[in-house]
Amino acid sequence: MTTVAGTAMRTTLLPLLLLTVGAFAGADGIGRQACAPPARGAAVFATNRLRQTPRPVLLAAAPAAMPPLKPRSVAVGWGALGVVGILANAIGRLTPVALQPILRRDLTLLQWAMYGGSMLFFAYVEGYKAFQRKFSPLVVRRALTLSLPKTPWHHYVFAPFYSMGLFHASKKRRTISWSISLGV
């Protein structure tokens, strides 16, 4: 595998990641090639055995640069804390139902094991994987976009719902957000 040396762009934002994969054929098109690790900042180019021109393949690229966000705006606070209020309301409504088996103490040992197992399962699947890894970062990211200039006024008014992805989002995000909101 032969490498073509290039210069690496160094910026404070995410650098453009241009990775290309492949190998140059030998002079006769067959045989083994010397494999040396690519130099730092070098790009590796792929070639076809029939033609010797490099063909770069873009595997990943950095997102477009966004203007700096102001996390201390009223709209950001309204968006994030509004979602916390909505979730607190749901927790307040569902907690008495979840505590009934514990307060009544009328479960058998097998039922206690199933109750505990389902609590652990939902704590991992819904609490960690869905809420902490996906929903919370989504809410914060969308709430921070409320501090951008030229944000429509209805995004400010309905900031908690905008932050949850209930409108002005992709079709998949809207479907997931509405399903979860109506389900809880």
Protein backbone atom coordinates (compact mmCIF):
# COMPACT_ATOMS: atom_id res chain seq x y z
CA MET A 1 0.00 0.00 0.00
CA THR A 2 1.49 3.29 -1.06
CA THR A 3 0.55 6.60 0.50
CA VAL A 4 0.42 10.05 -0.95
CA ALA A 5 1.62 12.58 1.59
CA GLY A 6 -0.65 15.55 2.21
CA THR A 7 -0.99 18.26 4.74
CA ALA A 8 -3.49 17.98 7.57
CA MET A 9 -5.89 20.82 8.17
CA ARG A 10 -5.79 21.83 11.78
CA THR A 11 -8.71 23.87 13.00
CA THR A 12 -10.45 24.38 16.28
CA LEU A 13 -13.56 22.73 14.83
CA LEU A 14 -13.81 19.12 13.82
CA PRO A 15 -11.32 18.53 11.00
CA LEU A 16 -12.51 17.18 7.70
CA LEU A 17 -11.84 13.48 7.77
CA LEU A 18 -10.83 12.27 4.35
CA LEU A 19 -10.01 8.60 4.42
CA THR A 20 -9.43 6.67 1.29
CA VAL A 21 -8.81 3.01 1.01
CA GLY A 22 -6.94 0.91 -1.53
CA ALA A 23 -3.60 -0.06 -2.92
CA PHE A 24 -1.47 0.64 -5.98
CA ALA A 25 -0.76 -2.31 -8.21
CA GLY A 26 2.83 -3.22 -8.87
CA ALA A 27 4.53 -2.38 -12.19
CA ASP A 28 3.35 -5.61 -13.76
CA GLY A 29 -0.05 -5.57 -12.05
CA ILE A 30 0.78 -8.60 -9.90
CA GLY A 31 2.97 -9.39 -6.99
CA ARG A 32 3.28 -8.16 -3.45
CA GLN A 33 3.61 -4.57 -2.46
CA ALA A 34 5.57 -3.08 0.37
CA CYS A 35 3.22 -2.20 3.19
CA ALA A 36 4.31 0.75 5.25
CA PRO A 37 2.07 2.54 7.73
CA PRO A 38 0.77 5.83 6.34
CA ALA A 39 2.48 8.97 7.55
CA ARG A 40 0.59 11.22 9.93
CA GLY A 41 -1.76 13.46 7.98
CA ALA A 42 -1.39 11.37 4.83
CA ALA A 43 -4.25 10.17 2.66
CA VAL A 44 -4.34 6.67 1.25
CA PHE A 45 -5.65 6.39 -2.32
CA ALA A 46 -7.25 3.42 -4.07
CA THR A 47 -6.54 2.51 -7.66
CA ASN A 48 -7.98 0.14 -10.17
CA ARG A 49 -5.55 -2.47 -11.47
CA LEU A 50 -6.36 -1.42 -15.05
CA ARG A 51 -5.70 2.28 -14.60
CA GLN A 52 -3.18 3.97 -12.36
CA THR A 53 -5.12 7.11 -11.35
CA PRO A 54 -5.97 7.51 -7.67
CA ARG A 55 -9.69 7.52 -6.76
CA PRO A 56 -10.33 9.10 -3.35
CA VAL A 57 -13.40 7.93 -1.42
CA LEU A 58 -14.91 10.17 1.24
CA LEU A 59 -15.95 8.10 4.25
CA ALA A 60 -16.81 10.86 6.73
CA ALA A 61 -16.96 14.62 6.86
CA ALA A 62 -17.29 17.13 9.66
CA PRO A 63 -20.61 18.96 9.99
CA ALA A 64 -20.87 22.55 8.85
CA ALA A 65 -19.63 25.07 11.37
CA MET A 66 -22.36 26.65 13.50
CA PRO A 67 -22.19 30.07 15.10
CA PRO A 68 -21.38 30.04 18.82
CA LEU A 69 -24.37 29.19 20.98
CA LYS A 70 -25.36 31.16 24.08
CA PRO A 71 -26.43 28.62 26.70
CA ARG A 72 -27.55 31.32 29.12
CA SER A 73 -30.49 32.71 27.16
CA VAL A 74 -34.04 32.66 28.50
CA ALA A 75 -35.24 30.58 25.55
CA VAL A 76 -32.68 27.84 26.23
CA GLY A 77 -33.72 27.70 29.88
CA TRP A 78 -37.41 27.67 28.98
CA GLY A 79 -36.83 24.84 26.49
CA ALA A 80 -34.78 22.62 28.81
CA LEU A 81 -36.65 23.32 32.05
CA GLY A 82 -40.00 22.99 30.29
CA VAL A 83 -39.05 19.44 29.29
CA VAL A 84 -37.98 18.74 32.89
CA GLY A 85 -41.41 19.97 34.04
CA ILE A 86 -43.21 17.74 31.53
CA LEU A 87 -41.16 14.73 32.67
CA ALA A 88 -41.73 15.56 36.35
CA ASN A 89 -45.47 15.61 35.70
CA ALA A 90 -45.28 12.15 34.07
CA ILE A 91 -43.14 10.78 36.90
CA GLY A 92 -45.62 12.15 39.46
CA ARG A 93 -48.52 10.42 37.69
CA LEU A 94 -46.75 7.06 37.23
CA THR A 95 -44.96 6.70 40.58
CA PRO A 96 -48.06 5.75 42.64
CA VAL A 97 -48.90 3.02 40.12
CA ALA A 98 -45.35 1.64 40.25
CA LEU A 99 -45.29 1.68 44.07
CA GLN A 100 -48.56 -0.25 44.57
CA PRO A 101 -46.91 -3.71 44.64
CA ILE A 102 -44.36 -2.51 47.19
CA LEU A 103 -46.95 -0.87 49.46
CA ARG A 104 -49.46 -3.74 49.33
CA ARG A 105 -46.81 -6.48 49.81
CA ASP A 106 -49.00 -9.11 48.23
CA LEU A 107 -46.57 -10.53 45.66
CA THR A 108 -45.11 -14.02 45.63
CA LEU A 109 -41.37 -14.61 45.38
CA LEU A 110 -41.61 -15.27 41.63
CA GLN A 111 -43.61 -12.06 41.13
CA TRP A 112 -41.03 -10.08 43.14
CA ALA A 113 -38.27 -11.50 40.95
CA MET A 114 -40.18 -10.59 37.80
CA TYR A 115 -40.96 -7.11 39.19
CA GLY A 116 -37.29 -6.52 40.03
CA GLY A 117 -36.14 -7.95 36.70
CA SER A 118 -38.50 -5.72 34.74
CA MET A 119 -37.35 -2.70 36.76
CA LEU A 120 -33.70 -3.47 35.94
CA PHE A 121 -34.53 -4.10 32.28
CA PHE A 122 -36.44 -0.83 31.89
CA ALA A 123 -33.84 1.11 33.88
CA TYR A 124 -31.21 0.01 31.37
CA VAL A 125 -33.21 0.12 28.13
CA GLU A 126 -35.41 3.15 28.76
CA GLY A 127 -33.36 5.00 31.35
CA TYR A 128 -29.82 4.62 30.13
CA LYS A 129 -29.97 3.74 26.42
CA ALA A 130 -33.00 5.79 25.41
CA PHE A 131 -33.15 8.67 27.88
CA GLN A 132 -29.54 9.35 28.83
CA ARG A 133 -27.87 8.45 25.53
CA LYS A 134 -30.47 9.77 23.04
CA PHE A 135 -33.28 11.91 24.43
CA SER A 136 -31.35 14.13 26.88
CA PRO A 137 -28.64 15.11 24.36
CA LEU A 138 -31.39 15.79 21.79
CA VAL A 139 -33.22 18.12 24.18
CA VAL A 140 -30.05 20.03 25.09
CA ARG A 141 -28.88 20.28 21.48
CA ARG A 142 -32.25 21.54 20.24
CA ALA A 143 -32.67 23.90 23.21
CA LEU A 144 -29.27 25.42 22.44
CA THR A 145 -30.38 26.12 18.86
CA LEU A 146 -32.97 28.49 20.32
CA SER A 147 -30.15 30.97 20.98
CA LEU A 148 -29.32 31.22 17.26
CA PRO A 149 -30.26 34.42 15.45
CA LYS A 150 -33.35 34.40 13.19
CA THR A 151 -35.10 31.69 15.19
CA PRO A 152 -38.87 31.82 14.48
CA TRP A 153 -41.00 33.24 17.30
CA HIS A 154 -43.11 30.08 17.66
CA HIS A 155 -39.97 28.11 18.54
CA TYR A 156 -39.55 30.41 21.56
CA VAL A 157 -43.20 30.13 22.62
CA PHE A 158 -43.28 26.34 22.32
CA ALA A 159 -39.63 25.84 23.32
CA PRO A 160 -40.16 22.68 25.45
CA PHE A 161 -42.02 20.97 22.61
CA TYR A 162 -39.46 22.16 20.06
CA SER A 163 -36.66 20.84 22.29
CA MET A 164 -38.38 17.46 22.50
CA GLY A 165 -38.48 17.25 18.70
CA LEU A 166 -42.28 17.41 18.40
CA PHE A 167 -42.11 19.89 15.52
CA HIS A 168 -39.59 21.33 13.06
CA ALA A 169 -37.70 18.03 13.01
CA SER A 170 -37.23 15.13 10.60
CA LYS A 171 -40.22 12.86 10.01
CA LYS A 172 -38.54 10.01 11.91
CA ARG A 173 -37.73 12.26 14.90
CA ARG A 174 -41.30 13.66 14.99
CA THR A 175 -42.78 10.15 14.83
CA ILE A 176 -40.59 8.88 17.65
CA SER A 177 -41.14 11.97 19.81
CA TRP A 178 -44.92 11.96 19.37
CA SER A 179 -45.12 8.19 20.05
CA ILE A 180 -43.18 8.50 23.27
CA SER A 181 -45.08 11.60 24.41
CA LEU A 182 -48.49 10.05 23.81
CA GLY A 183 -47.37 6.75 25.35
CA VAL A 184 -46.24 8.31 28.61
